[in-house]
PDB file of all heavy atoms in Angstrom:
ATOM      1  N   THR A   1     160.520 195.408  -3.534  1.00  0.00           N
ATOM      2  CA  THR A   1     159.826 194.986  -4.737  1.00  0.00           C
ATOM      3  C   THR A   1     160.791 194.307  -5.728  1.00  0.00           C
ATOM      4  O   THR A   1     160.415 193.386  -6.479  1.00  0.00           O
ATOM      5  CB  THR A   1     159.141 196.159  -5.463  1.00  0.00           C
ATOM      6  OG1 THR A   1     158.264 196.842  -4.520  1.00  0.00           O
ATOM      7  CG2 THR A   1     158.334 195.645  -6.628  1.00  0.00           C
ATOM      8  N   LEU A   2     162.065 194.703  -5.699  1.00  0.00           N
ATOM      9  CA  LEU A   2     163.055 194.167  -6.616  1.00  0.00           C
ATOM     10  C   LEU A   2     163.529 192.802  -6.197  1.00  0.00           C
ATOM     11  O   LEU A   2     164.181 192.122  -6.971  1.00  0.00           O
ATOM     12  CB  LEU A   2     164.252 195.145  -6.720  1.00  0.00           C
ATOM     13  CG  LEU A   2     163.972 196.377  -7.552  1.00  0.00           C
ATOM     14  CD1 LEU A   2     165.143 197.316  -7.417  1.00  0.00           C
ATOM     15  CD2 LEU A   2     163.637 196.099  -8.950  1.00  0.00           C
ATOM     16  N   THR A   3     163.308 192.427  -4.934  1.00  0.00           N
ATOM     17  CA  THR A   3     163.808 191.061  -4.504  1.00  0.00           C
ATOM     18  C   THR A   3     163.064 189.947  -5.247  1.00  0.00           C
ATOM     19  O   THR A   3     161.872 189.970  -5.381  1.00  0.00           O
ATOM     20  CB  THR A   3     163.464 190.899  -3.007  1.00  0.00           C
ATOM     21  OG1 THR A   3     164.142 191.976  -2.250  1.00  0.00           O
ATOM     22  CG2 THR A   3     164.043 189.578  -2.540  1.00  0.00           C
ATOM     23  N   VAL A   4     163.902 189.022  -5.865  1.00  0.00           N
ATOM     24  CA  VAL A   4     163.302 187.974  -6.634  1.00  0.00           C
ATOM     25  C   VAL A   4     163.472 186.651  -5.968  1.00  0.00           C
ATOM     26  O   VAL A   4     164.283 186.510  -4.995  1.00  0.00           O
ATOM     27  CB  VAL A   4     163.939 187.889  -8.020  1.00  0.00           C
ATOM     28  CG1 VAL A   4     163.772 189.178  -8.787  1.00  0.00           C
ATOM     29  CG2 VAL A   4     165.496 187.589  -7.899  1.00  0.00           C
ATOM     30  N   SER A   5     162.693 185.710  -6.406  1.00  0.00           N
ATOM     31  CA  SER A   5     162.714 184.304  -5.801  1.00  0.00           C
ATOM     32  C   SER A   5     164.078 183.685  -6.085  1.00  0.00           C
ATOM     33  O   SER A   5     164.542 183.745  -7.204  1.00  0.00           O
ATOM     34  CB  SER A   5     161.608 183.457  -6.440  1.00  0.00           C
ATOM     35  OG  SER A   5     160.313 184.086  -6.253  1.00  0.00           O
ATOM     36  N   ARG A   6     164.649 183.118  -5.101  1.00  0.00           N
ATOM     37  CA  ARG A   6     165.937 182.426  -5.222  1.00  0.00           C
ATOM     38  C   ARG A   6     165.876 181.055  -4.554  1.00  0.00           C
ATOM     39  O   ARG A   6     165.167 180.874  -3.549  1.00  0.00           O
ATOM     40  CB  ARG A   6     167.054 183.212  -4.578  1.00  0.00           C
ATOM     41  CG  ARG A   6     167.300 184.535  -5.252  1.00  0.00           C
ATOM     42  CD  ARG A   6     168.563 185.234  -4.777  1.00  0.00           C
ATOM     43  NE  ARG A   6     168.749 186.546  -5.418  1.00  0.00           N
ATOM     44  CZ  ARG A   6     169.202 186.804  -6.567  1.00  0.00           C
ATOM     45  NH1 ARG A   6     169.512 185.793  -7.329  1.00  0.00           N
ATOM     46  NH2 ARG A   6     169.354 188.017  -7.015  1.00  0.00           N
ATOM     47  N   PRO A   7     166.628 180.064  -5.067  1.00  0.00           N
ATOM     48  CA  PRO A   7     166.724 178.770  -4.390  1.00  0.00           C
ATOM     49  C   PRO A   7     167.420 178.847  -3.013  1.00  0.00           C
ATOM     50  O   PRO A   7     168.322 179.660  -2.883  1.00  0.00           O
ATOM     51  CB  PRO A   7     167.513 177.892  -5.334  1.00  0.00           C
ATOM     52  CG  PRO A   7     168.318 178.876  -6.138  1.00  0.00           C
ATOM     53  CD  PRO A   7     167.458 180.112  -6.243  1.00  0.00           C
ATOM     54  N   LYS A   8     166.976 178.119  -2.076  1.00  0.00           N
ATOM     55  CA  LYS A   8     167.508 178.165  -0.737  1.00  0.00           C
ATOM     56  C   LYS A   8     169.016 177.860  -0.742  1.00  0.00           C
ATOM     57  O   LYS A   8     169.734 178.364  -0.008  1.00  0.00           O
ATOM     58  CB  LYS A   8     166.832 177.185   0.196  1.00  0.00           C
ATOM     59  CG  LYS A   8     165.356 177.494   0.484  1.00  0.00           C
ATOM     60  CD  LYS A   8     165.273 178.807   1.320  1.00  0.00           C
ATOM     61  CE  LYS A   8     163.807 179.081   1.699  1.00  0.00           C
ATOM     62  NZ  LYS A   8     163.669 180.335   2.490  1.00  0.00           N
ATOM     63  N   ARG A   9     169.382 176.968  -1.707  1.00  0.00           N
ATOM     64  CA  ARG A   9     170.810 176.491  -1.697  1.00  0.00           C
ATOM     65  C   ARG A   9     171.759 177.606  -2.073  1.00  0.00           C
ATOM     66  O   ARG A   9     172.933 177.535  -1.855  1.00  0.00           O
ATOM     67  CB  ARG A   9     170.950 175.347  -2.623  1.00  0.00           C
ATOM     68  CG  ARG A   9     170.661 175.655  -4.095  1.00  0.00           C
ATOM     69  CD  ARG A   9     170.832 174.405  -4.990  1.00  0.00           C
ATOM     70  NE  ARG A   9     170.566 174.741  -6.362  1.00  0.00           N
ATOM     71  CZ  ARG A   9     169.343 174.671  -6.896  1.00  0.00           C
ATOM     72  NH1 ARG A   9     168.352 174.316  -6.172  1.00  0.00           N
ATOM     73  NH2 ARG A   9     169.156 174.914  -8.221  1.00  0.00           N
ATOM     74  N   SER A  10     171.249 178.691  -2.706  1.00  0.00           N
ATOM     75  CA  SER A  10     172.090 179.758  -3.106  1.00  0.00           C
ATOM     76  C   SER A  10     172.298 180.821  -2.032  1.00  0.00           C
ATOM     77  O   SER A  10     173.142 181.715  -2.207  1.00  0.00           O
ATOM     78  CB  SER A  10     171.479 180.497  -4.362  1.00  0.00           C
ATOM     79  OG  SER A  10     170.288 181.214  -3.999  1.00  0.00           O
ATOM     80  N   GLU A  11     171.574 180.668  -0.974  1.00  0.00           N
ATOM     81  CA  GLU A  11     171.684 181.686   0.157  1.00  0.00           C
ATOM     82  C   GLU A  11     172.841 181.342   1.048  1.00  0.00           C
ATOM     83  O   GLU A  11     173.126 180.140   1.260  1.00  0.00           O
ATOM     84  CB  GLU A  11     170.357 181.773   0.887  1.00  0.00           C
ATOM     85  CG  GLU A  11     169.188 182.205   0.068  1.00  0.00           C
ATOM     86  CD  GLU A  11     167.902 182.259   0.836  1.00  0.00           C
ATOM     87  OE1 GLU A  11     167.711 181.409   1.735  1.00  0.00           O
ATOM     88  OE2 GLU A  11     167.057 183.139   0.542  1.00  0.00           O
ATOM     89  N   PRO A  12     173.499 182.308   1.667  1.00  0.00           N
ATOM     90  CA  PRO A  12     174.608 182.029   2.575  1.00  0.00           C
ATOM     91  C   PRO A  12     174.173 181.252   3.771  1.00  0.00           C
ATOM     92  O   PRO A  12     173.074 181.376   4.364  1.00  0.00           O
ATOM     93  CB  PRO A  12     175.024 183.454   3.065  1.00  0.00           C
ATOM     94  CG  PRO A  12     174.462 184.379   2.044  1.00  0.00           C
ATOM     95  CD  PRO A  12     173.249 183.739   1.495  1.00  0.00           C
ATOM     96  N   ARG A  13     175.013 180.224   4.158  1.00  0.00           N
ATOM     97  CA  ARG A  13     174.717 179.451   5.339  1.00  0.00           C
ATOM     98  C   ARG A  13     174.906 180.214   6.612  1.00  0.00           C
ATOM     99  O   ARG A  13     175.989 180.806   6.803  1.00  0.00           O
ATOM    100  CB  ARG A  13     175.591 178.151   5.275  1.00  0.00           C
ATOM    101  CG  ARG A  13     175.265 177.191   6.464  1.00  0.00           C
ATOM    102  CD  ARG A  13     176.107 175.918   6.376  1.00  0.00           C
ATOM    103  NE  ARG A  13     175.821 175.078   7.487  1.00  0.00           N
ATOM    104  CZ  ARG A  13     176.417 175.135   8.700  1.00  0.00           C
ATOM    105  NH1 ARG A  13     177.388 176.095   8.899  1.00  0.00           N
ATOM    106  NH2 ARG A  13     176.138 174.310   9.661  1.00  0.00           N
ATOM    107  N   VAL A  14     173.973 180.172   7.499  1.00  0.00           N
ATOM    108  CA  VAL A  14     174.043 180.845   8.724  1.00  0.00           C
ATOM    109  C   VAL A  14     173.758 179.805   9.895  1.00  0.00           C
ATOM    110  O   VAL A  14     172.563 179.427  10.061  1.00  0.00           O
ATOM    111  CB  VAL A  14     173.065 182.053   8.826  1.00  0.00           C
ATOM    112  CG1 VAL A  14     173.113 182.741  10.241  1.00  0.00           C
ATOM    113  CG2 VAL A  14     173.367 183.035   7.762  1.00  0.00           C
ATOM    114  N   PRO A  15     174.742 179.393  10.669  1.00  0.00           N
ATOM    115  CA  PRO A  15     174.429 178.522  11.738  1.00  0.00           C
ATOM    116  C   PRO A  15     173.644 179.190  12.830  1.00  0.00           C
ATOM    117  O   PRO A  15     173.671 180.417  13.035  1.00  0.00           O
ATOM    118  CB  PRO A  15     175.804 178.180  12.277  1.00  0.00           C
ATOM    119  CG  PRO A  15     176.849 178.544  11.203  1.00  0.00           C
ATOM    120  CD  PRO A  15     176.159 179.691  10.480  1.00  0.00           C
ATOM    121  N   PHE A  16     172.861 178.450  13.557  1.00  0.00           N
ATOM    122  CA  PHE A  16     172.063 179.003  14.653  1.00  0.00           C
ATOM    123  C   PHE A  16     172.868 179.687  15.695  1.00  0.00           C
ATOM    124  O   PHE A  16     172.509 180.735  16.279  1.00  0.00           O
ATOM    125  CB  PHE A  16     171.165 177.910  15.304  1.00  0.00           C
ATOM    126  CG  PHE A  16     170.384 178.410  16.475  1.00  0.00           C
ATOM    127  CD1 PHE A  16     169.288 179.314  16.293  1.00  0.00           C
ATOM    128  CD2 PHE A  16     170.697 178.105  17.770  1.00  0.00           C
ATOM    129  CE1 PHE A  16     168.553 179.735  17.352  1.00  0.00           C
ATOM    130  CE2 PHE A  16     169.967 178.569  18.882  1.00  0.00           C
ATOM    131  CZ  PHE A  16     168.910 179.417  18.652  1.00  0.00           C
ATOM    132  N   GLY A  17     174.122 179.176  15.934  1.00  0.00           N
ATOM    133  CA  GLY A  17     175.025 179.761  16.873  1.00  0.00           C
ATOM    134  C   GLY A  17     175.410 181.198  16.544  1.00  0.00           C
ATOM    135  O   GLY A  17     175.705 181.993  17.456  1.00  0.00           O
ATOM    136  N   THR A  18     175.317 181.581  15.289  1.00  0.00           N
ATOM    137  CA  THR A  18     175.658 182.929  14.880  1.00  0.00           C
ATOM    138  C   THR A  18     174.633 183.895  15.491  1.00  0.00           C
ATOM    139  O   THR A  18     175.024 185.042  15.893  1.00  0.00           O
ATOM    140  CB  THR A  18     175.593 183.086  13.319  1.00  0.00           C
ATOM    141  OG1 THR A  18     176.564 182.133  12.736  1.00  0.00           O
ATOM    142  CG2 THR A  18     175.965 184.480  12.883  1.00  0.00           C
ATOM    143  N   LEU A  19     173.368 183.494  15.597  1.00  0.00           N
ATOM    144  CA  LEU A  19     172.384 184.382  16.229  1.00  0.00           C
ATOM    145  C   LEU A  19     172.715 184.628  17.723  1.00  0.00           C
ATOM    146  O   LEU A  19     172.511 185.766  18.210  1.00  0.00           O
ATOM    147  CB  LEU A  19     171.048 183.743  16.106  1.00  0.00           C
ATOM    148  CG  LEU A  19     170.217 183.955  14.847  1.00  0.00           C
ATOM    149  CD1 LEU A  19     170.919 183.370  13.609  1.00  0.00           C
ATOM    150  CD2 LEU A  19     168.838 183.348  14.897  1.00  0.00           C
ATOM    151  N   VAL A  20     173.270 183.559  18.338  1.00  0.00           N
ATOM    152  CA  VAL A  20     173.653 183.700  19.741  1.00  0.00           C
ATOM    153  C   VAL A  20     174.877 184.614  19.883  1.00  0.00           C
ATOM    154  O   VAL A  20     175.036 185.490  20.724  1.00  0.00           O
ATOM    155  CB  VAL A  20     173.923 182.303  20.371  1.00  0.00           C
ATOM    156  CG1 VAL A  20     174.296 182.459  21.820  1.00  0.00           C
ATOM    157  CG2 VAL A  20     172.686 181.466  20.271  1.00  0.00           C
ATOM    158  N   GLU A  21     175.917 184.312  19.009  1.00  0.00           N
ATOM    159  CA  GLU A  21     177.117 185.176  19.041  1.00  0.00           C
ATOM    160  C   GLU A  21     176.833 186.597  18.832  1.00  0.00           C
ATOM    161  O   GLU A  21     177.421 187.472  19.436  1.00  0.00           O
ATOM    162  CB  GLU A  21     178.073 184.670  17.974  1.00  0.00           C
ATOM    163  CG  GLU A  21     178.645 183.282  18.219  1.00  0.00           C
ATOM    164  CD  GLU A  21     179.470 182.826  17.066  1.00  0.00           C
ATOM    165  OE1 GLU A  21     179.247 183.223  15.910  1.00  0.00           O
ATOM    166  OE2 GLU A  21     180.363 181.956  17.233  1.00  0.00           O
ATOM    167  N   ARG A  22     175.929 186.886  17.954  1.00  0.00           N
ATOM    168  CA  ARG A  22     175.596 188.282  17.578  1.00  0.00           C
ATOM    169  C   ARG A  22     174.705 188.981  18.544  1.00  0.00           C
ATOM    170  O   ARG A  22     174.381 190.115  18.482  1.00  0.00           O
ATOM    171  CB  ARG A  22     174.959 188.343  16.162  1.00  0.00           C
ATOM    172  CG  ARG A  22     175.841 187.787  15.050  1.00  0.00           C
ATOM    173  CD  ARG A  22     176.859 188.852  14.645  1.00  0.00           C
ATOM    174  NE  ARG A  22     176.136 190.011  14.041  1.00  0.00           N
ATOM    175  CZ  ARG A  22     175.803 190.110  12.758  1.00  0.00           C
ATOM    176  NH1 ARG A  22     176.127 189.169  11.870  1.00  0.00           N
ATOM    177  NH2 ARG A  22     175.200 191.181  12.339  1.00  0.00           N
ATOM    178  N   GLY A  23     174.216 188.210  19.571  1.00  0.00           N
ATOM    179  CA  GLY A  23     173.314 188.811  20.531  1.00  0.00           C
ATOM    180  C   GLY A  23     171.864 188.986  20.095  1.00  0.00           C
ATOM    181  O   GLY A  23     171.104 189.624  20.835  1.00  0.00           O
ATOM    182  N   LEU A  24     171.531 188.394  18.980  1.00  0.00           N
ATOM    183  CA  LEU A  24     170.155 188.477  18.489  1.00  0.00           C
ATOM    184  C   LEU A  24     169.230 187.594  19.349  1.00  0.00           C
ATOM    185  O   LEU A  24     168.058 187.901  19.558  1.00  0.00           O
ATOM    186  CB  LEU A  24     170.039 188.074  17.034  1.00  0.00           C
ATOM    187  CG  LEU A  24     170.790 188.951  16.082  1.00  0.00           C
ATOM    188  CD1 LEU A  24     170.710 188.435  14.633  1.00  0.00           C
ATOM    189  CD2 LEU A  24     170.365 190.380  16.117  1.00  0.00           C
ATOM    190  N   LEU A  25     169.807 186.496  19.879  1.00  0.00           N
ATOM    191  CA  LEU A  25     169.107 185.685  20.877  1.00  0.00           C
ATOM    192  C   LEU A  25     170.172 185.414  21.983  1.00  0.00           C
ATOM    193  O   LEU A  25     171.330 185.042  21.640  1.00  0.00           O
ATOM    194  CB  LEU A  25     168.651 184.382  20.286  1.00  0.00           C
ATOM    195  CG  LEU A  25     167.475 184.470  19.240  1.00  0.00           C
ATOM    196  CD1 LEU A  25     167.297 183.097  18.618  1.00  0.00           C
ATOM    197  CD2 LEU A  25     166.229 184.938  19.974  1.00  0.00           C
ATOM    198  N   THR A  26     169.823 185.540  23.213  1.00  0.00           N
ATOM    199  CA  THR A  26     170.750 185.410  24.281  1.00  0.00           C
ATOM    200  C   THR A  26     170.605 184.038  24.957  1.00  0.00           C
ATOM    201  O   THR A  26     169.536 183.402  24.957  1.00  0.00           O
ATOM    202  CB  THR A  26     170.533 186.467  25.375  1.00  0.00           C
ATOM    203  OG1 THR A  26     169.247 186.434  25.857  1.00  0.00           O
ATOM    204  CG2 THR A  26     170.859 187.844  24.787  1.00  0.00           C
ATOM    205  N   PRO A  27     171.738 183.412  25.452  1.00  0.00           N
ATOM    206  CA  PRO A  27     171.638 182.190  26.217  1.00  0.00           C
ATOM    207  C   PRO A  27     170.594 182.286  27.358  1.00  0.00           C
ATOM    208  O   PRO A  27     170.588 183.296  28.012  1.00  0.00           O
ATOM    209  CB  PRO A  27     173.086 181.982  26.708  1.00  0.00           C
ATOM    210  CG  PRO A  27     173.928 182.700  25.763  1.00  0.00           C
ATOM    211  CD  PRO A  27     173.109 183.873  25.379  1.00  0.00           C
ATOM    212  N   GLY A  28     169.859 181.218  27.469  1.00  0.00           N
ATOM    213  CA  GLY A  28     168.789 181.278  28.541  1.00  0.00           C
ATOM    214  C   GLY A  28     167.425 181.639  27.978  1.00  0.00           C
ATOM    215  O   GLY A  28     166.399 181.408  28.656  1.00  0.00           O
ATOM    216  N   THR A  29     167.408 182.183  26.740  1.00  0.00           N
ATOM    217  CA  THR A  29     166.111 182.536  26.157  1.00  0.00           C
ATOM    218  C   THR A  29     165.330 181.216  25.873  1.00  0.00           C
ATOM    219  O   THR A  29     165.921 180.174  25.435  1.00  0.00           O
ATOM    220  CB  THR A  29     166.280 183.266  24.869  1.00  0.00           C
ATOM    221  OG1 THR A  29     166.957 184.515  25.083  1.00  0.00           O
ATOM    222  CG2 THR A  29     164.918 183.550  24.124  1.00  0.00           C
ATOM    223  N   VAL A  30     164.050 181.239  26.151  1.00  0.00           N
ATOM    224  CA  VAL A  30     163.225 180.057  25.923  1.00  0.00           C
ATOM    225  C   VAL A  30     162.484 180.182  24.600  1.00  0.00           C
ATOM    226  O   VAL A  30     161.809 181.241  24.345  1.00  0.00           O
ATOM    227  CB  VAL A  30     162.168 179.900  27.028  1.00  0.00           C
ATOM    228  CG1 VAL A  30     161.221 178.743  26.696  1.00  0.00           C
ATOM    229  CG2 VAL A  30     162.828 179.610  28.362  1.00  0.00           C
ATOM    230  N   LEU A  31     162.695 179.262  23.766  1.00  0.00           N
ATOM    231  CA  LEU A  31     162.067 179.240  22.427  1.00  0.00           C
ATOM    232  C   LEU A  31     160.763 178.397  22.546  1.00  0.00           C
ATOM    233  O   LEU A  31     160.714 177.409  23.355  1.00  0.00           O
ATOM    234  CB  LEU A  31     162.945 178.654  21.378  1.00  0.00           C
ATOM    235  CG  LEU A  31     164.249 179.375  21.128  1.00  0.00           C
ATOM    236  CD1 LEU A  31     165.058 178.661  19.997  1.00  0.00           C
ATOM    237  CD2 LEU A  31     163.985 180.811  20.766  1.00  0.00           C
ATOM    238  N   SER A  32     159.776 178.644  21.746  1.00  0.00           N
ATOM    239  CA  SER A  32     158.522 177.910  21.752  1.00  0.00           C
ATOM    240  C   SER A  32     158.080 177.525  20.372  1.00  0.00           C
ATOM    241  O   SER A  32     158.503 178.184  19.386  1.00  0.00           O
ATOM    242  CB  SER A  32     157.447 178.794  22.412  1.00  0.00           C
ATOM    243  OG  SER A  32     157.737 179.196  23.640  1.00  0.00           O
ATOM    244  N   SER A  33     157.275 176.482  20.295  1.00  0.00           N
ATOM    245  CA  SER A  33     156.664 176.142  19.055  1.00  0.00           C
ATOM    246  C   SER A  33     155.425 177.029  18.917  1.00  0.00           C
ATOM    247  O   SER A  33     154.901 177.557  19.910  1.00  0.00           O
ATOM    248  CB  SER A  33     156.251 174.690  19.015  1.00  0.00           C
ATOM    249  OG  SER A  33     155.295 174.374  20.034  1.00  0.00           O
ATOM    250  N   ALA A  34     154.886 177.122  17.711  1.00  0.00           N
ATOM    251  CA  ALA A  34     153.723 178.024  17.481  1.00  0.00           C
ATOM    252  C   ALA A  34     152.410 177.226  17.520  1.00  0.00           C
ATOM    253  O   ALA A  34     151.358 177.882  17.554  1.00  0.00           O
ATOM    254  CB  ALA A  34     153.868 178.669  16.140  1.00  0.00           C
ATOM    255  N   GLY A  35     152.434 175.942  17.612  1.00  0.00           N
ATOM    256  CA  GLY A  35     151.192 175.185  17.563  1.00  0.00           C
ATOM    257  C   GLY A  35     150.460 175.198  18.827  1.00  0.00           C
ATOM    258  O   GLY A  35     150.871 175.700  19.883  1.00  0.00           O
ATOM    259  N   ARG A  36     149.229 174.593  18.833  1.00  0.00           N
ATOM    260  CA  ARG A  36     148.418 174.557  20.043  1.00  0.00           C
ATOM    261  C   ARG A  36     149.037 173.735  21.151  1.00  0.00           C
ATOM    262  O   ARG A  36     149.005 174.057  22.311  1.00  0.00           O
ATOM    263  CB  ARG A  36     147.051 173.920  19.644  1.00  0.00           C
ATOM    264  CG  ARG A  36     146.029 173.930  20.736  1.00  0.00           C
ATOM    265  CD  ARG A  36     144.686 173.435  20.296  1.00  0.00           C
ATOM    266  NE  ARG A  36     144.187 174.236  19.173  1.00  0.00           N
ATOM    267  CZ  ARG A  36     143.079 173.854  18.507  1.00  0.00           C
ATOM    268  NH1 ARG A  36     142.437 172.769  18.799  1.00  0.00           N
ATOM    269  NH2 ARG A  36     142.660 174.680  17.536  1.00  0.00           N
ATOM    270  N   LYS A  37     149.756 172.633  20.767  1.00  0.00           N
ATOM    271  CA  LYS A  37     150.502 171.886  21.739  1.00  0.00           C
ATOM    272  C   LYS A  37     151.908 172.483  21.923  1.00  0.00           C
ATOM    273  O   LYS A  37     152.849 172.080  21.169  1.00  0.00           O
ATOM    274  CB  LYS A  37     150.633 170.386  21.303  1.00  0.00           C
ATOM    275  CG  LYS A  37     149.266 169.682  21.314  1.00  0.00           C
ATOM    276  CD  LYS A  37     149.420 168.221  20.881  1.00  0.00           C
ATOM    277  CE  LYS A  37     148.049 167.531  20.878  1.00  0.00           C
ATOM    278  NZ  LYS A  37     148.185 166.060  20.467  1.00  0.00           N
ATOM    279  N   ARG A  38     152.024 173.446  22.728  1.00  0.00           N
ATOM    280  CA  ARG A  38     153.215 174.270  22.808  1.00  0.00           C
ATOM    281  C   ARG A  38     154.363 173.463  23.351  1.00  0.00           C
ATOM    282  O   ARG A  38     154.277 172.804  24.421  1.00  0.00           O
ATOM    283  CB  ARG A  38     152.911 175.482  23.720  1.00  0.00           C
ATOM    284  CG  ARG A  38     153.973 176.522  23.704  1.00  0.00           C
ATOM    285  CD  ARG A  38     153.958 177.311  22.406  1.00  0.00           C
ATOM    286  NE  ARG A  38     152.687 177.918  22.089  1.00  0.00           N
ATOM    287  CZ  ARG A  38     152.327 179.146  22.500  1.00  0.00           C
ATOM    288  NH1 ARG A  38     153.032 179.776  23.387  1.00  0.00           N
ATOM    289  NH2 ARG A  38     151.210 179.667  22.158  1.00  0.00           N
ATOM    290  N   HIS A  39     155.498 173.474  22.616  1.00  0.00           N
ATOM    291  CA  HIS A  39     156.765 172.886  23.062  1.00  0.00           C
ATOM    292  C   HIS A  39     157.728 174.017  23.404  1.00  0.00           C
ATOM    293  O   HIS A  39     157.686 175.096  22.822  1.00  0.00           O
ATOM    294  CB  HIS A  39     157.317 171.971  21.983  1.00  0.00           C
ATOM    295  CG  HIS A  39     156.402 170.844  21.617  1.00  0.00           C
ATOM    296  ND1 HIS A  39     156.160 169.759  22.404  1.00  0.00           N
ATOM    297  CD2 HIS A  39     155.696 170.661  20.449  1.00  0.00           C
ATOM    298  CE1 HIS A  39     155.332 168.942  21.818  1.00  0.00           C
ATOM    299  NE2 HIS A  39     155.010 169.442  20.619  1.00  0.00           N
ATOM    300  N   HIS A  40     158.645 173.739  24.376  1.00  0.00           N
ATOM    301  CA  HIS A  40     159.589 174.696  24.828  1.00  0.00           C
ATOM    302  C   HIS A  40     161.017 174.107  24.845  1.00  0.00           C
ATOM    303  O   HIS A  40     161.144 172.906  25.093  1.00  0.00           O
ATOM    304  CB  HIS A  40     159.217 175.228  26.205  1.00  0.00           C
ATOM    305  CG  HIS A  40     157.871 175.751  26.240  1.00  0.00           C
ATOM    306  ND1 HIS A  40     157.529 177.101  25.800  1.00  0.00           N
ATOM    307  CD2 HIS A  40     156.724 175.223  26.687  1.00  0.00           C
ATOM    308  CE1 HIS A  40     156.257 177.251  26.081  1.00  0.00           C
ATOM    309  NE2 HIS A  40     155.737 176.173  26.540  1.00  0.00           N
ATOM    310  N   ALA A  41     162.029 174.991  24.649  1.00  0.00           N
ATOM    311  CA  ALA A  41     163.416 174.584  24.818  1.00  0.00           C
ATOM    312  C   ALA A  41     164.237 175.826  25.082  1.00  0.00           C
ATOM    313  O   ALA A  41     163.838 176.927  24.672  1.00  0.00           O
ATOM    314  CB  ALA A  41     163.929 173.921  23.533  1.00  0.00           C
ATOM    315  N   LYS A  42     165.326 175.671  25.854  1.00  0.00           N
ATOM    316  CA  LYS A  42     166.149 176.820  26.254  1.00  0.00           C
ATOM    317  C   LYS A  42     167.432 176.836  25.433  1.00  0.00           C
ATOM    318  O   LYS A  42     167.966 175.786  25.183  1.00  0.00           O
ATOM    319  CB  LYS A  42     166.450 176.735  27.777  1.00  0.00           C
ATOM    320  CG  LYS A  42     167.184 177.923  28.304  1.00  0.00           C
ATOM    321  CD  LYS A  42     167.445 177.744  29.776  1.00  0.00           C
ATOM    322  CE  LYS A  42     166.198 177.770  30.665  1.00  0.00           C
ATOM    323  NZ  LYS A  42     166.524 177.776  32.084  1.00  0.00           N
ATOM    324  N   ILE A  43     167.838 178.079  25.080  1.00  0.00           N
ATOM    325  CA  ILE A  43     169.102 178.246  24.327  1.00  0.00           C
ATOM    326  C   ILE A  43     170.278 178.182  25.271  1.00  0.00           C
ATOM    327  O   ILE A  43     170.264 178.769  26.324  1.00  0.00           O
ATOM    328  CB  ILE A  43     169.113 179.538  23.585  1.00  0.00           C
ATOM    329  CG1 ILE A  43     167.943 179.712  22.629  1.00  0.00           C
ATOM    330  CG2 ILE A  43     170.401 179.774  22.898  1.00  0.00           C
ATOM    331  CD1 ILE A  43     167.786 181.086  21.991  1.00  0.00           C
ATOM    332  N   ARG A  44     171.313 177.362  24.864  1.00  0.00           N
ATOM    333  CA  ARG A  44     172.548 177.299  25.612  1.00  0.00           C
ATOM    334  C   ARG A  44     173.595 178.166  24.908  1.00  0.00           C
ATOM    335  O   ARG A  44     173.415 178.567  23.804  1.00  0.00           O
ATOM    336  CB  ARG A  44     173.014 175.849  25.773  1.00  0.00           C
ATOM    337  CG  ARG A  44     171.987 174.959  26.410  1.00  0.00           C
ATOM    338  CD  ARG A  44     172.544 173.683  27.037  1.00  0.00           C
ATOM    339  NE  ARG A  44     173.241 172.862  26.036  1.00  0.00           N
ATOM    340  CZ  ARG A  44     173.800 171.682  26.334  1.00  0.00           C
ATOM    341  NH1 ARG A  44     173.691 171.161  27.506  1.00  0.00           N
ATOM    342  NH2 ARG A  44     174.410 170.948  25.345  1.00  0.00           N
TER     343      ARG A  44
END
C-alpha cells in the first residue's frame, strides 16, 4: 500500500540478459506474444 507512483526513468536499469544470468529465464525458453496472432521467439 505504501508503494507510490514513480517515473520509469528513476527505476534501476535491468538488461534482459540479467534475467538469463540469474536463472529466472533459461536459454532455450520460448517466449510468446499474448495476442490472438501468437508470435514466438527463443532465448539464447
